[in-house]
PDB file of N, CA and C in Angstrom:
ATOM      1  N   MET A   1     109.769  87.519 111.969  1.00  0.00           N
ATOM      2  CA  MET A   1     108.467  87.229 112.502  1.00  0.00           C
ATOM      3  C   MET A   1     107.404  88.092 111.799  1.00  0.00           C
ATOM      4  N   VAL A   2     107.686  89.350 111.632  1.00  0.00           N
ATOM      5  CA  VAL A   2     106.716  90.263 111.028  1.00  0.00           C
ATOM      6  C   VAL A   2     106.503  89.915 109.558  1.00  0.00           C
ATOM      7  N   LEU A   3     107.555  89.484 108.866  1.00  0.00           N
ATOM      8  CA  LEU A   3     107.429  89.107 107.466  1.00  0.00           C
ATOM      9  C   LEU A   3     106.443  87.954 107.307  1.00  0.00           C
ATOM     10  N   ASN A   4     106.438  87.027 108.229  1.00  0.00           N
ATOM     11  CA  ASN A   4     105.506  85.903 108.152  1.00  0.00           C
ATOM     12  C   ASN A   4     104.064  86.323 108.420  1.00  0.00           C
ATOM     13  N   LEU A   5     103.857  87.458 109.048  1.00  0.00           N
ATOM     14  CA  LEU A   5     102.506  87.937 109.327  1.00  0.00           C
ATOM     15  C   LEU A   5     101.887  88.679 108.147  1.00  0.00           C
ATOM     16  N   LEU A   6     102.709  89.058 107.162  1.00  0.00           N
ATOM     17  CA  LEU A   6     102.168  89.756 105.999  1.00  0.00           C
ATOM     18  C   LEU A   6     101.336  88.803 105.152  1.00  0.00           C
ATOM     19  N   PRO A   7     100.212  89.283 104.672  1.00  0.00           N
ATOM     20  CA  PRO A   7      99.359  88.416 103.850  1.00  0.00           C
ATOM     21  C   PRO A   7      99.863  88.330 102.409  1.00  0.00           C
ATOM     22  N   LEU A   8     100.933  87.568 102.197  1.00  0.00           N
ATOM     23  CA  LEU A   8     101.475  87.403 100.851  1.00  0.00           C
ATOM     24  C   LEU A   8     100.572  86.488 100.047  1.00  0.00           C
ATOM     25  N   PRO A   9     100.372  86.797  98.801  1.00  0.00           N
ATOM     26  CA  PRO A   9      99.576  85.902  97.949  1.00  0.00           C
ATOM     27  C   PRO A   9     100.252  84.530  97.842  1.00  0.00           C
ATOM     28  N   HIS A  10      99.465  83.518  97.551  1.00  0.00           N
ATOM     29  CA  HIS A  10     100.007  82.166  97.476  1.00  0.00           C
ATOM     30  C   HIS A  10     101.087  82.044  96.420  1.00  0.00           C
ATOM     31  N   TRP A  11     100.961  82.781  95.344  1.00  0.00           N
ATOM     32  CA  TRP A  11     101.957  82.648  94.283  1.00  0.00           C
ATOM     33  C   TRP A  11     103.308  83.160  94.735  1.00  0.00           C
ATOM     34  N   MET A  12     103.328  84.063  95.732  1.00  0.00           N
ATOM     35  CA  MET A  12     104.614  84.532  96.253  1.00  0.00           C
ATOM     36  C   MET A  12     105.300  83.420  97.035  1.00  0.00           C
ATOM     37  N   ALA A  13     104.525  82.565  97.652  1.00  0.00           N
ATOM     38  CA  ALA A  13     105.088  81.459  98.426  1.00  0.00           C
ATOM     39  C   ALA A  13     105.216  80.206  97.574  1.00  0.00           C
ATOM     40  N   GLY A  14     104.829  80.276  96.326  1.00  0.00           N
ATOM     41  CA  GLY A  14     104.958  79.126  95.439  1.00  0.00           C
ATOM     42  C   GLY A  14     103.758  78.202  95.462  1.00  0.00           C
ATOM     43  N   GLY A  15     102.674  78.631  96.070  1.00  0.00           N
ATOM     44  CA  GLY A  15     101.486  77.793  96.154  1.00  0.00           C
ATOM     45  C   GLY A  15     100.576  77.965  94.953  1.00  0.00           C
ATOM     46  N   PRO A  16      99.546  77.164  94.878  1.00  0.00           N
ATOM     47  CA  PRO A  16      98.631  77.252  93.726  1.00  0.00           C
ATOM     48  C   PRO A  16      97.729  78.479  93.794  1.00  0.00           C
ATOM     49  N   VAL A  17      97.169  78.838  92.672  1.00  0.00           N
ATOM     50  CA  VAL A  17      96.257  79.978  92.595  1.00  0.00           C
ATOM     51  C   VAL A  17      94.857  79.488  92.241  1.00  0.00           C
ATOM     52  N   SER A  18      94.438  78.387  92.803  1.00  0.00           N
ATOM     53  CA  SER A  18      93.185  77.743  92.420  1.00  0.00           C
ATOM     54  C   SER A  18      91.935  78.481  92.888  1.00  0.00           C
ATOM     55  N   LEU A  19      92.065  79.458  93.768  1.00  0.00           N
ATOM     56  CA  LEU A  19      90.889  80.164  94.265  1.00  0.00           C
ATOM     57  C   LEU A  19      90.422  81.261  93.308  1.00  0.00           C
ATOM     58  N   LEU A  20      91.239  81.587  92.340  1.00  0.00           N
ATOM     59  CA  LEU A  20      90.882  82.632  91.382  1.00  0.00           C
ATOM     60  C   LEU A  20      90.079  82.062  90.225  1.00  0.00           C
ATOM     61  N   PRO A  21      89.288  82.902  89.576  1.00  0.00           N
ATOM     62  CA  PRO A  21      88.638  82.467  88.336  1.00  0.00           C
ATOM     63  C   PRO A  21      89.699  82.101  87.293  1.00  0.00           C
ATOM     64  N   TYR A  22      89.313  81.313  86.323  1.00  0.00           N
ATOM     65  CA  TYR A  22      90.267  80.763  85.365  1.00  0.00           C
ATOM     66  C   TYR A  22      91.102  81.837  84.675  1.00  0.00           C
ATOM     67  N   ARG A  23      90.467  82.901  84.224  1.00  0.00           N
ATOM     68  CA  ARG A  23      91.183  83.945  83.472  1.00  0.00           C
ATOM     69  C   ARG A  23      92.272  84.597  84.325  1.00  0.00           C
ATOM     70  N   GLN A  24      91.938  84.967  85.560  1.00  0.00           N
ATOM     71  CA  GLN A  24      92.917  85.592  86.443  1.00  0.00           C
ATOM     72  C   GLN A  24      93.983  84.586  86.884  1.00  0.00           C
ATOM     73  N   ALA A  25      93.573  83.353  87.125  1.00  0.00           N
ATOM     74  CA  ALA A  25      94.541  82.329  87.514  1.00  0.00           C
ATOM     75  C   ALA A  25      95.543  82.066  86.399  1.00  0.00           C
ATOM     76  N   PHE A  26      95.079  82.065  85.167  1.00  0.00           N
ATOM     77  CA  PHE A  26      95.977  81.848  84.033  1.00  0.00           C
ATOM     78  C   PHE A  26      96.980  82.993  83.907  1.00  0.00           C
ATOM     79  N   GLN A  27      96.504  84.229  84.057  1.00  0.00           N
ATOM     80  CA  GLN A  27      97.402  85.377  83.967  1.00  0.00           C
ATOM     81  C   GLN A  27      98.417  85.365  85.101  1.00  0.00           C
ATOM     82  N   LEU A  28      97.951  85.037  86.294  1.00  0.00           N
ATOM     83  CA  LEU A  28      98.845  85.011  87.450  1.00  0.00           C
ATOM     84  C   LEU A  28      99.825  83.848  87.383  1.00  0.00           C
ATOM     85  N   SER A  29      99.428  82.762  86.748  1.00  0.00           N
ATOM     86  CA  SER A  29     100.321  81.607  86.647  1.00  0.00           C
ATOM     87  C   SER A  29     101.536  81.907  85.768  1.00  0.00           C
ATOM     88  N   LYS A  30     101.438  82.920  84.930  1.00  0.00           N
ATOM     89  CA  LYS A  30     102.578  83.303  84.104  1.00  0.00           C
ATOM     90  C   LYS A  30     103.720  83.870  84.940  1.00  0.00           C
ATOM     91  N   ILE A  31     103.395  84.574  86.031  1.00  0.00           N
ATOM     92  CA  ILE A  31     104.448  85.144  86.870  1.00  0.00           C
ATOM     93  C   ILE A  31     104.691  84.327  88.139  1.00  0.00           C
ATOM     94  N   GLU A  32     103.947  83.255  88.316  1.00  0.00           N
ATOM     95  CA  GLU A  32     104.092  82.420  89.506  1.00  0.00           C
ATOM     96  C   GLU A  32     105.510  81.889  89.703  1.00  0.00           C
ATOM     97  N   PRO A  33     106.214  81.456  88.668  1.00  0.00           N
ATOM     98  CA  PRO A  33     107.579  80.948  88.884  1.00  0.00           C
ATOM     99  C   PRO A  33     108.556  82.006  89.389  1.00  0.00           C
ATOM    100  N   TYR A  34     108.217  83.259  89.233  1.00  0.00           N
ATOM    101  CA  TYR A  34     109.112  84.336  89.626  1.00  0.00           C
ATOM    102  C   TYR A  34     108.774  84.914  91.005  1.00  0.00           C
ATOM    103  N   GLY A  35     107.847  84.308  91.729  1.00  0.00           N
ATOM    104  CA  GLY A  35     107.408  84.831  93.025  1.00  0.00           C
ATOM    105  C   GLY A  35     108.522  84.974  94.032  1.00  0.00           C
ATOM    106  N   MET A  36     109.387  83.972  94.135  1.00  0.00           N
ATOM    107  CA  MET A  36     110.481  84.041  95.101  1.00  0.00           C
ATOM    108  C   MET A  36     111.479  85.129  94.697  1.00  0.00           C
ATOM    109  N   PHE A  37     111.718  85.284  93.389  1.00  0.00           N
ATOM    110  CA  PHE A  37     112.627  86.337  92.940  1.00  0.00           C
ATOM    111  C   PHE A  37     112.051  87.725  93.221  1.00  0.00           C
ATOM    112  N   ILE A  38     110.733  87.863  93.085  1.00  0.00           N
ATOM    113  CA  ILE A  38     110.081  89.136  93.406  1.00  0.00           C
ATOM    114  C   ILE A  38     110.243  89.445  94.884  1.00  0.00           C
ATOM    115  N   LEU A  39     110.051  88.439  95.729  1.00  0.00           N
ATOM    116  CA  LEU A  39     110.199  88.634  97.175  1.00  0.00           C
ATOM    117  C   LEU A  39     111.641  88.989  97.535  1.00  0.00           C
ATOM    118  N   ILE A  40     112.608  88.335  96.909  1.00  0.00           N
ATOM    119  CA  ILE A  40     114.018  88.658  97.160  1.00  0.00           C
ATOM    120  C   ILE A  40     114.324  90.075  96.693  1.00  0.00           C
ATOM    121  N   PHE A  41     113.793  90.446  95.522  1.00  0.00           N
ATOM    122  CA  PHE A  41     113.992  91.804  95.022  1.00  0.00           C
ATOM    123  C   PHE A  41     113.430  92.835  96.001  1.00  0.00           C
ATOM    124  N   LEU A  42     112.246  92.565  96.532  1.00  0.00           N
ATOM    125  CA  LEU A  42     111.653  93.486  97.503  1.00  0.00           C
ATOM    126  C   LEU A  42     112.479  93.556  98.775  1.00  0.00           C
ATOM    127  N   ALA A  43     113.113  92.437  99.139  1.00  0.00           N
ATOM    128  CA  ALA A  43     113.915  92.402 100.358  1.00  0.00           C
ATOM    129  C   ALA A  43     115.211  93.198 100.221  1.00  0.00           C
ATOM    130  N   ILE A  44     115.797  93.243  99.022  1.00  0.00           N
ATOM    131  CA  ILE A  44     117.064  93.960  98.871  1.00  0.00           C
ATOM    132  C   ILE A  44     116.874  95.413  98.460  1.00  0.00           C
ATOM    133  N   THR A  45     115.667  95.810  98.203  1.00  0.00           N
ATOM    134  CA  THR A  45     115.376  97.208  97.910  1.00  0.00           C
ATOM    135  C   THR A  45     114.662  97.814  99.117  1.00  0.00           C
ATOM    136  N   PRO A  46     114.562  99.127  99.187  1.00  0.00           N
ATOM    137  CA  PRO A  46     113.898  99.762 100.334  1.00  0.00           C
ATOM    138  C   PRO A  46     112.382  99.527 100.391  1.00  0.00           C
ATOM    139  N   VAL A  47     111.804  98.897  99.383  1.00  0.00           N
ATOM    140  CA  VAL A  47     110.350  98.725  99.335  1.00  0.00           C
ATOM    141  C   VAL A  47     109.862  97.877 100.508  1.00  0.00           C
ATOM    142  N   LEU A  48     110.476  96.734 100.726  1.00  0.00           N
ATOM    143  CA  LEU A  48     110.041  95.851 101.808  1.00  0.00           C
ATOM    144  C   LEU A  48     110.278  96.503 103.169  1.00  0.00           C
ATOM    145  N   SER A  49     111.378  97.222 103.300  1.00  0.00           N
ATOM    146  CA  SER A  49     111.648  97.940 104.543  1.00  0.00           C
ATOM    147  C   SER A  49     110.575  98.992 104.806  1.00  0.00           C
ATOM    148  N   PHE A  50     110.161  99.672 103.753  1.00  0.00           N
ATOM    149  CA  PHE A  50     109.117 100.693 103.878  1.00  0.00           C
ATOM    150  C   PHE A  50     107.794 100.067 104.347  1.00  0.00           C
ATOM    151  N   ILE A  51     107.513  98.863 103.861  1.00  0.00           N
ATOM    152  CA  ILE A  51     106.279  98.170 104.235  1.00  0.00           C
ATOM    153  C   ILE A  51     106.365  97.608 105.647  1.00  0.00           C
ATOM    154  N   LEU A  52     107.516  97.040 106.009  1.00  0.00           N
ATOM    155  CA  LEU A  52     107.640  96.335 107.283  1.00  0.00           C
ATOM    156  C   LEU A  52     107.906  97.234 108.485  1.00  0.00           C
ATOM    157  N   THR A  53     108.518  98.388 108.286  1.00  0.00           N
ATOM    158  CA  THR A  53     108.910  99.237 109.411  1.00  0.00           C
ATOM    159  C   THR A  53     107.751  99.584 110.344  1.00  0.00           C
ATOM    160  N   PRO A  54     106.586  99.980 109.867  1.00  0.00           N
ATOM    161  CA  PRO A  54     105.485 100.264 110.807  1.00  0.00           C
ATOM    162  C   PRO A  54     105.052  99.023 111.599  1.00  0.00           C
ATOM    163  N   PHE A  55     105.050  97.865 110.954  1.00  0.00           N
ATOM    164  CA  PHE A  55     104.653  96.645 111.653  1.00  0.00           C
ATOM    165  C   PHE A  55     105.690  96.230 112.696  1.00  0.00           C
ATOM    166  N   ILE A  56     106.962  96.418 112.374  1.00  0.00           N
ATOM    167  CA  ILE A  56     108.016  96.103 113.338  1.00  0.00           C
ATOM    168  C   ILE A  56     107.933  97.040 114.527  1.00  0.00           C
ATOM    169  N   SER A  57     107.714  98.314 114.281  1.00  0.00           N
ATOM    170  CA  SER A  57     107.585  99.282 115.372  1.00  0.00           C
ATOM    171  C   SER A  57     106.388  98.959 116.257  1.00  0.00           C
ATOM    172  N   LEU A  58     105.286  98.596 115.635  1.00  0.00           N
ATOM    173  CA  LEU A  58     104.096  98.233 116.398  1.00  0.00           C
ATOM    174  C   LEU A  58     104.338  96.986 117.240  1.00  0.00           C
ATOM    175  N   THR A  59     104.954  95.978 116.651  1.00  0.00           N
ATOM    176  CA  THR A  59     105.253  94.745 117.383  1.00  0.00           C
ATOM    177  C   THR A  59     106.200  95.021 118.541  1.00  0.00           C
ATOM    178  N   TYR A  60     107.232  95.808 118.290  1.00  0.00           N
ATOM    179  CA  TYR A  60     108.186  96.161 119.339  1.00  0.00           C
ATOM    180  C   TYR A  60     107.489  96.929 120.467  1.00  0.00           C
ATOM    181  N   GLY A  61     106.599  97.848 120.113  1.00  0.00           N
ATOM    182  CA  GLY A  61     105.856  98.609 121.134  1.00  0.00           C
ATOM    183  C   GLY A  61     104.956  97.716 121.975  1.00  0.00           C
ATOM    184  N   ILE A  62     104.295  96.746 121.354  1.00  0.00           N
ATOM    185  CA  ILE A  62     103.434  95.820 122.096  1.00  0.00           C
ATOM    186  C   ILE A  62     104.260  94.956 123.033  1.00  0.00           C
ATOM    187  N   ILE A  63     105.410  94.487 122.556  1.00  0.00           N
ATOM    188  CA  ILE A  63     106.288  93.667 123.423  1.00  0.00           C
ATOM    189  C   ILE A  63     106.786  94.503 124.596  1.00  0.00           C
ATOM    190  N   ARG A  64     107.179  95.750 124.339  1.00  0.00           N
ATOM    191  CA  ARG A  64     107.621  96.612 125.443  1.00  0.00           C
ATOM    192  C   ARG A  64     106.495  96.856 126.421  1.00  0.00           C
ATOM    193  N   LEU A  65     105.281  97.047 125.938  1.00  0.00           N
ATOM    194  CA  LEU A  65     104.144  97.291 126.816  1.00  0.00           C
ATOM    195  C   LEU A  65     103.816  96.072 127.671  1.00  0.00           C
ATOM    196  N   LEU A  66     103.822  94.901 127.054  1.00  0.00           N
ATOM    197  CA  LEU A  66     103.467  93.683 127.762  1.00  0.00           C
ATOM    198  C   LEU A  66     104.513  93.243 128.774  1.00  0.00           C
ATOM    199  N   PHE A  67     105.781  93.373 128.417  1.00  0.00           N
ATOM    200  CA  PHE A  67     106.834  92.848 129.260  1.00  0.00           C
ATOM    201  C   PHE A  67     107.636  93.908 129.992  1.00  0.00           C
ATOM    202  N   GLY A  68     107.366  95.168 129.727  1.00  0.00           N
ATOM    203  CA  GLY A  68     108.052  96.253 130.429  1.00  0.00           C
ATOM    204  C   GLY A  68     109.535  96.308 130.142  1.00  0.00           C
ATOM    205  N   ILE A  69     109.898  95.954 128.940  1.00  0.00           N
ATOM    206  CA  ILE A  69     111.318  95.947 128.580  1.00  0.00           C
ATOM    207  C   ILE A  69     111.749  97.328 128.179  1.00  0.00           C
TER     208      ILE A  69
END
């Protein structure tokens, strides 16, 4: 659930980069096919855990506060 709340760029999800100016869109389109591999790499290394842990703790704390679990 928390992973879906992260503001991942469209190229990470495989979407177009049409909102960028042409020069930046062209540069980003070079690595666009590798977006899913980058996300998988982040998932199997401690990097994604380091990013997600504070958000998971916050979400868990809010759920405990709201529902008294």
